[in-house]
Amino acid sequence: MKPIITIEYCPKCGWLLRAAYMAQEILTRFTDEVEGVLLKPSAVSGRYTIFVADRALYDRKKNGGFPEIKQLKQLIRDEVSPTKHLGHSDKS
């Protein structure tokens, strides 16, 4: 079964557009590897956490900011399809 990527974001902080942009990038790159992307408004102020299935992959507070899209694609690739080549976004 393909995993669902969840982006939990703080609506009070205005991070919906950032979450939607990241969802678009994930869906474009991982069309065949993920079931979909869920955008989930958080009840906790300041939260921005990205999950693969139910496992936290990236947390803004723990990781010290937002991920660059290149970094996010690499993290998701490592979880859902480790052999997938990401083109210019790939690790050197």
PDB file of N, CA and C in Angstrom:
ATOM      1  N   MET A   1       0.839  -1.185   0.000  1.00  0.00           N
ATOM      2  CA  MET A   1       0.000   0.000   0.000  1.00  0.00           C
ATOM      3  C   MET A   1       0.886   1.253   0.000  1.00  0.00           C
ATOM      4  N   LYS A   2       0.512   2.224  -0.786  1.00  0.00           N
ATOM      5  CA  LYS A   2       1.265   3.467  -0.885  1.00  0.00           C
ATOM      6  C   LYS A   2       0.984   4.350   0.331  1.00  0.00           C
ATOM      7  N   PRO A   3       2.011   5.056   0.832  1.00  0.00           N
ATOM      8  CA  PRO A   3       1.807   5.918   2.000  1.00  0.00           C
ATOM      9  C   PRO A   3       1.109   7.225   1.632  1.00  0.00           C
ATOM     10  N   ILE A   4       0.452   7.798   2.608  1.00  0.00           N
ATOM     11  CA  ILE A   4      -0.108   9.139   2.486  1.00  0.00           C
ATOM     12  C   ILE A   4       0.844  10.088   3.194  1.00  0.00           C
ATOM     13  N   ILE A   5       1.196  11.169   2.515  1.00  0.00           N
ATOM     14  CA  ILE A   5       2.037  12.204   3.101  1.00  0.00           C
ATOM     15  C   ILE A   5       1.089  13.227   3.738  1.00  0.00           C
ATOM     16  N   THR A   6       1.322  13.564   5.001  1.00  0.00           N
ATOM     17  CA  THR A   6       0.508  14.567   5.689  1.00  0.00           C
ATOM     18  C   THR A   6       1.381  15.761   6.015  1.00  0.00           C
ATOM     19  N   ILE A   7       0.892  16.925   5.656  1.00  0.00           N
ATOM     20  CA  ILE A   7       1.562  18.174   6.037  1.00  0.00           C
ATOM     21  C   ILE A   7       0.641  18.866   7.031  1.00  0.00           C
ATOM     22  N   GLU A   8       1.063  18.874   8.284  1.00  0.00           N
ATOM     23  CA  GLU A   8       0.295  19.542   9.337  1.00  0.00           C
ATOM     24  C   GLU A   8       0.893  20.934   9.516  1.00  0.00           C
ATOM     25  N   TYR A   9       0.062  21.947   9.300  1.00  0.00           N
ATOM     26  CA  TYR A   9       0.545  23.325   9.287  1.00  0.00           C
ATOM     27  C   TYR A   9      -0.299  24.199  10.208  1.00  0.00           C
ATOM     28  N   CYS A  10       0.283  25.300  10.624  1.00  0.00           N
ATOM     29  CA  CYS A  10      -0.425  26.256  11.483  1.00  0.00           C
ATOM     30  C   CYS A  10      -1.177  27.258  10.609  1.00  0.00           C
ATOM     31  N   PRO A  11      -2.512  27.220  10.627  1.00  0.00           N
ATOM     32  CA  PRO A  11      -3.270  28.178   9.821  1.00  0.00           C
ATOM     33  C   PRO A  11      -3.162  29.613  10.353  1.00  0.00           C
ATOM     34  N   LYS A  12      -2.964  29.753  11.672  1.00  0.00           N
ATOM     35  CA  LYS A  12      -2.837  31.086  12.269  1.00  0.00           C
ATOM     36  C   LYS A  12      -1.559  31.786  11.808  1.00  0.00           C
ATOM     37  N   CYS A  13      -0.552  31.000  11.439  1.00  0.00           N
ATOM     38  CA  CYS A  13       0.726  31.548  10.976  1.00  0.00           C
ATOM     39  C   CYS A  13       0.709  31.842   9.478  1.00  0.00           C
ATOM     40  N   GLY A  14      -0.359  31.432   8.799  1.00  0.00           N
ATOM     41  CA  GLY A  14      -0.468  31.690   7.370  1.00  0.00           C
ATOM     42  C   GLY A  14       0.356  30.752   6.507  1.00  0.00           C
ATOM     43  N   TRP A  15       0.522  29.515   6.944  1.00  0.00           N
ATOM     44  CA  TRP A  15       1.395  28.574   6.235  1.00  0.00           C
ATOM     45  C   TRP A  15       0.665  27.650   5.268  1.00  0.00           C
ATOM     46  N   LEU A  16      -0.595  27.924   4.982  1.00  0.00           N
ATOM     47  CA  LEU A  16      -1.336  27.094   4.036  1.00  0.00           C
ATOM     48  C   LEU A  16      -0.700  27.117   2.651  1.00  0.00           C
ATOM     49  N   LEU A  17      -0.329  28.286   2.148  1.00  0.00           N
ATOM     50  CA  LEU A  17       0.261  28.356   0.805  1.00  0.00           C
ATOM     51  C   LEU A  17       1.576  27.591   0.719  1.00  0.00           C
ATOM     52  N   ARG A  18       2.376  27.670   1.764  1.00  0.00           N
ATOM     53  CA  ARG A  18       3.633  26.912   1.802  1.00  0.00           C
ATOM     54  C   ARG A  18       3.337  25.409   1.759  1.00  0.00           C
ATOM     55  N   ALA A  19       2.358  24.981   2.548  1.00  0.00           N
ATOM     56  CA  ALA A  19       1.984  23.562   2.580  1.00  0.00           C
ATOM     57  C   ALA A  19       1.444  23.111   1.228  1.00  0.00           C
ATOM     58  N   ALA A  20       0.635  23.954   0.594  1.00  0.00           N
ATOM     59  CA  ALA A  20       0.062  23.612  -0.718  1.00  0.00           C
ATOM     60  C   ALA A  20       1.156  23.517  -1.776  1.00  0.00           C
ATOM     61  N   TYR A  21       2.120  24.417  -1.733  1.00  0.00           N
ATOM     62  CA  TYR A  21       3.250  24.367  -2.670  1.00  0.00           C
ATOM     63  C   TYR A  21       4.029  23.067  -2.486  1.00  0.00           C
ATOM     64  N   MET A  22       4.325  22.710  -1.241  1.00  0.00           N
ATOM     65  CA  MET A  22       5.068  21.477  -0.984  1.00  0.00           C
ATOM     66  C   MET A  22       4.263  20.256  -1.414  1.00  0.00           C
ATOM     67  N   ALA A  23       2.949  20.283  -1.187  1.00  0.00           N
ATOM     68  CA  ALA A  23       2.091  19.176  -1.623  1.00  0.00           C
ATOM     69  C   ALA A  23       2.157  19.023  -3.140  1.00  0.00           C
ATOM     70  N   GLN A  24       2.115  20.127  -3.857  1.00  0.00           N
ATOM     71  CA  GLN A  24       2.199  20.097  -5.319  1.00  0.00           C
ATOM     72  C   GLN A  24       3.518  19.488  -5.774  1.00  0.00           C
ATOM     73  N   GLU A  25       4.601  19.884  -5.163  1.00  0.00           N
ATOM     74  CA  GLU A  25       5.925  19.355  -5.519  1.00  0.00           C
ATOM     75  C   GLU A  25       6.012  17.853  -5.234  1.00  0.00           C
ATOM     76  N   ILE A  26       5.473  17.436  -4.108  1.00  0.00           N
ATOM     77  CA  ILE A  26       5.484  16.006  -3.739  1.00  0.00           C
ATOM     78  C   ILE A  26       4.658  15.200  -4.736  1.00  0.00           C
ATOM     79  N   LEU A  27       3.465  15.679  -5.042  1.00  0.00           N
ATOM     80  CA  LEU A  27       2.597  14.947  -5.967  1.00  0.00           C
ATOM     81  C   LEU A  27       3.179  14.895  -7.379  1.00  0.00           C
ATOM     82  N   THR A  28       3.853  15.942  -7.783  1.00  0.00           N
ATOM     83  CA  THR A  28       4.482  15.959  -9.109  1.00  0.00           C
ATOM     84  C   THR A  28       5.617  14.958  -9.197  1.00  0.00           C
ATOM     85  N   ARG A  29       6.459  14.912  -8.166  1.00  0.00           N
ATOM     86  CA  ARG A  29       7.647  14.056  -8.193  1.00  0.00           C
ATOM     87  C   ARG A  29       7.339  12.600  -7.838  1.00  0.00           C
ATOM     88  N   PHE A  30       6.359  12.363  -6.961  1.00  0.00           N
ATOM     89  CA  PHE A  30       6.119  11.015  -6.449  1.00  0.00           C
ATOM     90  C   PHE A  30       4.725  10.493  -6.814  1.00  0.00           C
ATOM     91  N   THR A  31       4.297  10.772  -8.016  1.00  0.00           N
ATOM     92  CA  THR A  31       2.968  10.373  -8.491  1.00  0.00           C
ATOM     93  C   THR A  31       2.700   8.888  -8.289  1.00  0.00           C
ATOM     94  N   ASP A  32       3.665   8.046  -8.616  1.00  0.00           N
ATOM     95  CA  ASP A  32       3.472   6.597  -8.547  1.00  0.00           C
ATOM     96  C   ASP A  32       3.820   5.997  -7.180  1.00  0.00           C
ATOM     97  N   GLU A  33       4.448   6.783  -6.310  1.00  0.00           N
ATOM     98  CA  GLU A  33       4.936   6.243  -5.046  1.00  0.00           C
ATOM     99  C   GLU A  33       4.080   6.568  -3.829  1.00  0.00           C
ATOM    100  N   VAL A  34       3.211   7.579  -3.925  1.00  0.00           N
ATOM    101  CA  VAL A  34       2.387   7.951  -2.772  1.00  0.00           C
ATOM    102  C   VAL A  34       0.908   7.888  -3.135  1.00  0.00           C
ATOM    103  N   GLU A  35       0.098   7.636  -2.139  1.00  0.00           N
ATOM    104  CA  GLU A  35      -1.353   7.595  -2.321  1.00  0.00           C
ATOM    105  C   GLU A  35      -1.922   9.002  -2.495  1.00  0.00           C
ATOM    106  N   GLY A  36      -1.310   9.947  -1.797  1.00  0.00           N
ATOM    107  CA  GLY A  36      -1.760  11.329  -1.885  1.00  0.00           C
ATOM    108  C   GLY A  36      -1.104  12.167  -0.806  1.00  0.00           C
ATOM    109  N   VAL A  37      -1.476  13.439  -0.776  1.00  0.00           N
ATOM    110  CA  VAL A  37      -0.969  14.359   0.236  1.00  0.00           C
ATOM    111  C   VAL A  37      -2.168  14.975   0.948  1.00  0.00           C
ATOM    112  N   LEU A  38      -2.134  14.945   2.267  1.00  0.00           N
ATOM    113  CA  LEU A  38      -3.188  15.511   3.099  1.00  0.00           C
ATOM    114  C   LEU A  38      -2.670  16.792   3.735  1.00  0.00           C
ATOM    115  N   LEU A  39      -3.397  17.888   3.559  1.00  0.00           N
ATOM    116  CA  LEU A  39      -3.070  19.139   4.233  1.00  0.00           C
ATOM    117  C   LEU A  39      -3.954  19.230   5.465  1.00  0.00           C
ATOM    118  N   LYS A  40      -3.315  19.286   6.625  1.00  0.00           N
ATOM    119  CA  LYS A  40      -4.049  19.207   7.889  1.00  0.00           C
ATOM    120  C   LYS A  40      -3.781  20.449   8.745  1.00  0.00           C
ATOM    121  N   PRO A  41      -4.787  21.301   8.925  1.00  0.00           N
ATOM    122  CA  PRO A  41      -4.608  22.451   9.817  1.00  0.00           C
ATOM    123  C   PRO A  41      -4.353  21.962  11.246  1.00  0.00           C
ATOM    124  N   SER A  42      -3.351  22.545  11.879  1.00  0.00           N
ATOM    125  CA  SER A  42      -2.999  22.137  13.239  1.00  0.00           C
ATOM    126  C   SER A  42      -3.727  22.985  14.269  1.00  0.00           C
ATOM    127  N   ALA A  43      -4.078  22.343  15.361  1.00  0.00           N
ATOM    128  CA  ALA A  43      -4.664  23.066  16.493  1.00  0.00           C
ATOM    129  C   ALA A  43      -3.568  23.686  17.359  1.00  0.00           C
ATOM    130  N   VAL A  44      -2.315  23.313  17.096  1.00  0.00           N
ATOM    131  CA  VAL A  44      -1.178  23.807  17.868  1.00  0.00           C
ATOM    132  C   VAL A  44      -0.501  24.929  17.083  1.00  0.00           C
ATOM    133  N   SER A  45      -0.418  26.099  17.672  1.00  0.00           N
ATOM    134  CA  SER A  45       0.209  27.240  17.009  1.00  0.00           C
ATOM    135  C   SER A  45       1.680  26.968  16.703  1.00  0.00           C
ATOM    136  N   GLY A  46       2.104  27.377  15.516  1.00  0.00           N
ATOM    137  CA  GLY A  46       3.505  27.257  15.134  1.00  0.00           C
ATOM    138  C   GLY A  46       3.916  25.904  14.605  1.00  0.00           C
ATOM    139  N   ARG A  47       3.000  24.977  14.509  1.00  0.00           N
ATOM    140  CA  ARG A  47       3.356  23.623  14.067  1.00  0.00           C
ATOM    141  C   ARG A  47       3.444  23.546  12.542  1.00  0.00           C
ATOM    142  N   TYR A  48       4.494  22.876  12.082  1.00  0.00           N
ATOM    143  CA  TYR A  48       4.638  22.541  10.666  1.00  0.00           C
ATOM    144  C   TYR A  48       5.415  21.232  10.638  1.00  0.00           C
ATOM    145  N   THR A  49       4.680  20.139  10.509  1.00  0.00           N
ATOM    146  CA  THR A  49       5.275  18.811  10.558  1.00  0.00           C
ATOM    147  C   THR A  49       4.834  18.026   9.339  1.00  0.00           C
ATOM    148  N   ILE A  50       5.782  17.306   8.749  1.00  0.00           N
ATOM    149  CA  ILE A  50       5.492  16.487   7.581  1.00  0.00           C
ATOM    150  C   ILE A  50       5.637  15.029   7.991  1.00  0.00           C
ATOM    151  N   PHE A  51       4.600  14.259   7.693  1.00  0.00           N
ATOM    152  CA  PHE A  51       4.563  12.845   8.055  1.00  0.00           C
ATOM    153  C   PHE A  51       4.530  11.986   6.793  1.00  0.00           C
ATOM    154  N   VAL A  52       5.177  10.834   6.866  1.00  0.00           N
ATOM    155  CA  VAL A  52       5.001   9.777   5.870  1.00  0.00           C
ATOM    156  C   VAL A  52       4.275   8.674   6.611  1.00  0.00           C
ATOM    157  N   ALA A  53       3.083   8.354   6.155  1.00  0.00           N
ATOM    158  CA  ALA A  53       2.176   7.478   6.909  1.00  0.00           C
ATOM    159  C   ALA A  53       1.965   8.177   8.253  1.00  0.00           C
ATOM    160  N   ASP A  54       2.287   7.548   9.362  1.00  0.00           N
ATOM    161  CA  ASP A  54       2.108   8.180  10.673  1.00  0.00           C
ATOM    162  C   ASP A  54       3.433   8.545  11.340  1.00  0.00           C
ATOM    163  N   ARG A  55       4.513   8.486  10.585  1.00  0.00           N
ATOM    164  CA  ARG A  55       5.840   8.761  11.129  1.00  0.00           C
ATOM    165  C   ARG A  55       6.281  10.169  10.757  1.00  0.00           C
ATOM    166  N   ALA A  56       6.657  10.962  11.768  1.00  0.00           N
ATOM    167  CA  ALA A  56       7.133  12.321  11.512  1.00  0.00           C
ATOM    168  C   ALA A  56       8.449  12.262  10.745  1.00  0.00           C
ATOM    169  N   LEU A  57       8.467  12.906   9.588  1.00  0.00           N
ATOM    170  CA  LEU A  57       9.652  12.934   8.743  1.00  0.00           C
ATOM    171  C   LEU A  57      10.423  14.236   8.941  1.00  0.00           C
ATOM    172  N   TYR A  58       9.686  15.316   9.139  1.00  0.00           N
ATOM    173  CA  TYR A  58      10.319  16.624   9.308  1.00  0.00           C
ATOM    174  C   TYR A  58       9.445  17.474  10.220  1.00  0.00           C
ATOM    175  N   ASP A  59      10.065  18.101  11.211  1.00  0.00           N
ATOM    176  CA  ASP A  59       9.359  18.965  12.150  1.00  0.00           C
ATOM    177  C   ASP A  59      10.077  20.314  12.194  1.00  0.00           C
ATOM    178  N   ARG A  60       9.353  21.379  11.893  1.00  0.00           N
ATOM    179  CA  ARG A  60       9.944  22.713  11.831  1.00  0.00           C
ATOM    180  C   ARG A  60      10.678  23.101  13.111  1.00  0.00           C
ATOM    181  N   LYS A  61      10.094  22.801  14.254  1.00  0.00           N
ATOM    182  CA  LYS A  61      10.718  23.186  15.520  1.00  0.00           C
ATOM    183  C   LYS A  61      11.949  22.345  15.823  1.00  0.00           C
ATOM    184  N   LYS A  62      11.868  21.044  15.594  1.00  0.00           N
ATOM    185  CA  LYS A  62      13.004  20.160  15.869  1.00  0.00           C
ATOM    186  C   LYS A  62      14.140  20.343  14.872  1.00  0.00           C
ATOM    187  N   ASN A  63      13.788  20.624  13.618  1.00  0.00           N
ATOM    188  CA  ASN A  63      14.794  20.732  12.564  1.00  0.00           C
ATOM    189  C   ASN A  63      15.266  22.166  12.316  1.00  0.00           C
ATOM    190  N   GLY A  64      14.691  23.111  13.021  1.00  0.00           N
ATOM    191  CA  GLY A  64      15.172  24.483  12.928  1.00  0.00           C
ATOM    192  C   GLY A  64      14.742  25.241  11.683  1.00  0.00           C
ATOM    193  N   GLY A  65      13.483  25.185  11.336  1.00  0.00           N
ATOM    194  CA  GLY A  65      12.973  25.934  10.188  1.00  0.00           C
ATOM    195  C   GLY A  65      12.273  25.037   9.198  1.00  0.00           C
ATOM    196  N   PHE A  66      11.969  25.610   8.058  1.00  0.00           N
ATOM    197  CA  PHE A  66      11.281  24.867   7.014  1.00  0.00           C
ATOM    198  C   PHE A  66      12.303  24.157   6.122  1.00  0.00           C
ATOM    199  N   PRO A  67      11.917  23.006   5.571  1.00  0.00           N
ATOM    200  CA  PRO A  67      12.853  22.329   4.669  1.00  0.00           C
ATOM    201  C   PRO A  67      12.875  23.012   3.304  1.00  0.00           C
ATOM    202  N   GLU A  68      14.032  23.013   2.678  1.00  0.00           N
ATOM    203  CA  GLU A  68      14.112  23.404   1.271  1.00  0.00           C
ATOM    204  C   GLU A  68      13.416  22.302   0.491  1.00  0.00           C
ATOM    205  N   ILE A  69      12.823  22.626  -0.641  1.00  0.00           N
ATOM    206  CA  ILE A  69      12.075  21.624  -1.391  1.00  0.00           C
ATOM    207  C   ILE A  69      12.985  20.491  -1.844  1.00  0.00           C
ATOM    208  N   LYS A  70      14.231  20.803  -2.188  1.00  0.00           N
ATOM    209  CA  LYS A  70      15.201  19.764  -2.576  1.00  0.00           C
ATOM    210  C   LYS A  70      15.415  18.782  -1.428  1.00  0.00           C
ATOM    211  N   GLN A  71      15.603  19.301  -0.230  1.00  0.00           N
ATOM    212  CA  GLN A  71      15.801  18.466   0.954  1.00  0.00           C
ATOM    213  C   GLN A  71      14.571  17.611   1.234  1.00  0.00           C
ATOM    214  N   LEU A  72      13.392  18.214   1.115  1.00  0.00           N
ATOM    215  CA  LEU A  72      12.155  17.483   1.365  1.00  0.00           C
ATOM    216  C   LEU A  72      11.989  16.328   0.382  1.00  0.00           C
ATOM    217  N   LYS A  73      12.259  16.564  -0.880  1.00  0.00           N
ATOM    218  CA  LYS A  73      12.157  15.505  -1.884  1.00  0.00           C
ATOM    219  C   LYS A  73      13.122  14.365  -1.575  1.00  0.00           C
ATOM    220  N   GLN A  74      14.324  14.706  -1.132  1.00  0.00           N
ATOM    221  CA  GLN A  74      15.306  13.673  -0.785  1.00  0.00           C
ATOM    222  C   GLN A  74      14.828  12.851   0.410  1.00  0.00           C
ATOM    223  N   LEU A  75      14.288  13.514   1.426  1.00  0.00           N
ATOM    224  CA  LEU A  75      13.791  12.807   2.610  1.00  0.00           C
ATOM    225  C   LEU A  75      12.639  11.866   2.257  1.00  0.00           C
ATOM    226  N   ILE A  76      11.711  12.358   1.438  1.00  0.00           N
ATOM    227  CA  ILE A  76      10.575  11.523   1.045  1.00  0.00           C
ATOM    228  C   ILE A  76      11.039  10.375   0.166  1.00  0.00           C
ATOM    229  N   ARG A  77      11.915  10.658  -0.771  1.00  0.00           N
ATOM    230  CA  ARG A  77      12.452   9.606  -1.628  1.00  0.00           C
ATOM    231  C   ARG A  77      13.099   8.498  -0.806  1.00  0.00           C
ATOM    232  N   ASP A  78      13.895   8.881   0.180  1.00  0.00           N
ATOM    233  CA  ASP A  78      14.578   7.899   1.025  1.00  0.00           C
ATOM    234  C   ASP A  78      13.584   6.998   1.760  1.00  0.00           C
ATOM    235  N   GLU A  79      12.386   7.507   2.023  1.00  0.00           N
ATOM    236  CA  GLU A  79      11.351   6.735   2.722  1.00  0.00           C
ATOM    237  C   GLU A  79      10.505   5.884   1.785  1.00  0.00           C
ATOM    238  N   VAL A  80      10.084   6.453   0.661  1.00  0.00           N
ATOM    239  CA  VAL A  80       9.083   5.776  -0.168  1.00  0.00           C
ATOM    240  C   VAL A  80       9.653   5.051  -1.384  1.00  0.00           C
ATOM    241  N   SER A  81      10.837   5.474  -1.861  1.00  0.00           N
ATOM    242  CA  SER A  81      11.420   4.858  -3.060  1.00  0.00           C
ATOM    243  C   SER A  81      12.917   5.149  -3.113  1.00  0.00           C
ATOM    244  N   PRO A  82      13.697   4.469  -2.261  1.00  0.00           N
ATOM    245  CA  PRO A  82      15.120   4.785  -2.116  1.00  0.00           C
ATOM    246  C   PRO A  82      15.948   4.740  -3.406  1.00  0.00           C
ATOM    247  N   THR A  83      15.505   4.000  -4.402  1.00  0.00           N
ATOM    248  CA  THR A  83      16.287   3.908  -5.640  1.00  0.00           C
ATOM    249  C   THR A  83      15.863   4.936  -6.692  1.00  0.00           C
ATOM    250  N   LYS A  84      14.849   5.727  -6.409  1.00  0.00           N
ATOM    251  CA  LYS A  84      14.347   6.715  -7.379  1.00  0.00           C
ATOM    252  C   LYS A  84      15.363   7.830  -7.573  1.00  0.00           C
ATOM    253  N   HIS A  85      15.636   8.165  -8.828  1.00  0.00           N
ATOM    254  CA  HIS A  85      16.530   9.266  -9.158  1.00  0.00           C
ATOM    255  C   HIS A  85      15.713  10.552  -9.212  1.00  0.00           C
ATOM    256  N   LEU A  86      16.195  11.609  -8.575  1.00  0.00           N
ATOM    257  CA  LEU A  86      15.452  12.862  -8.502  1.00  0.00           C
ATOM    258  C   LEU A  86      15.954  13.929  -9.469  1.00  0.00           C
ATOM    259  N   GLY A  87      16.798  13.569 -10.398  1.00  0.00           N
ATOM    260  CA  GLY A  87      17.310  14.550 -11.337  1.00  0.00           C
ATOM    261  C   GLY A  87      18.164  15.592 -10.635  1.00  0.00           C
ATOM    262  N   HIS A  88      17.931  16.857 -10.937  1.00  0.00           N
ATOM    263  CA  HIS A  88      18.757  17.930 -10.338  1.00  0.00           C
ATOM    264  C   HIS A  88      18.562  18.073  -8.837  1.00  0.00           C
ATOM    265  N   SER A  89      17.488  17.508  -8.306  1.00  0.00           N
ATOM    266  CA  SER A  89      17.251  17.567  -6.851  1.00  0.00           C
ATOM    267  C   SER A  89      17.947  16.458  -6.092  1.00  0.00           C
ATOM    268  N   ASP A  90      18.640  15.586  -6.848  1.00  0.00           N
ATOM    269  CA  ASP A  90      19.264  14.436  -6.207  1.00  0.00           C
ATOM    270  C   ASP A  90      20.533  14.814  -5.463  1.00  0.00           C
ATOM    271  N   LYS A  91      20.874  13.964  -4.503  1.00  0.00           N
ATOM    272  CA  LYS A  91      22.113  14.150  -3.769  1.00  0.00           C
ATOM    273  C   LYS A  91      23.288  14.040  -4.721  1.00  0.00           C
ATOM    274  N   SER A  92      24.334  14.820  -4.440  1.00  0.00           N
ATOM    275  CA  SER A  92      25.511  14.743  -5.314  1.00  0.00           C
ATOM    276  C   SER A  92      26.417  13.608  -4.903  1.00  0.00           C
TER     277      SER A  92
END
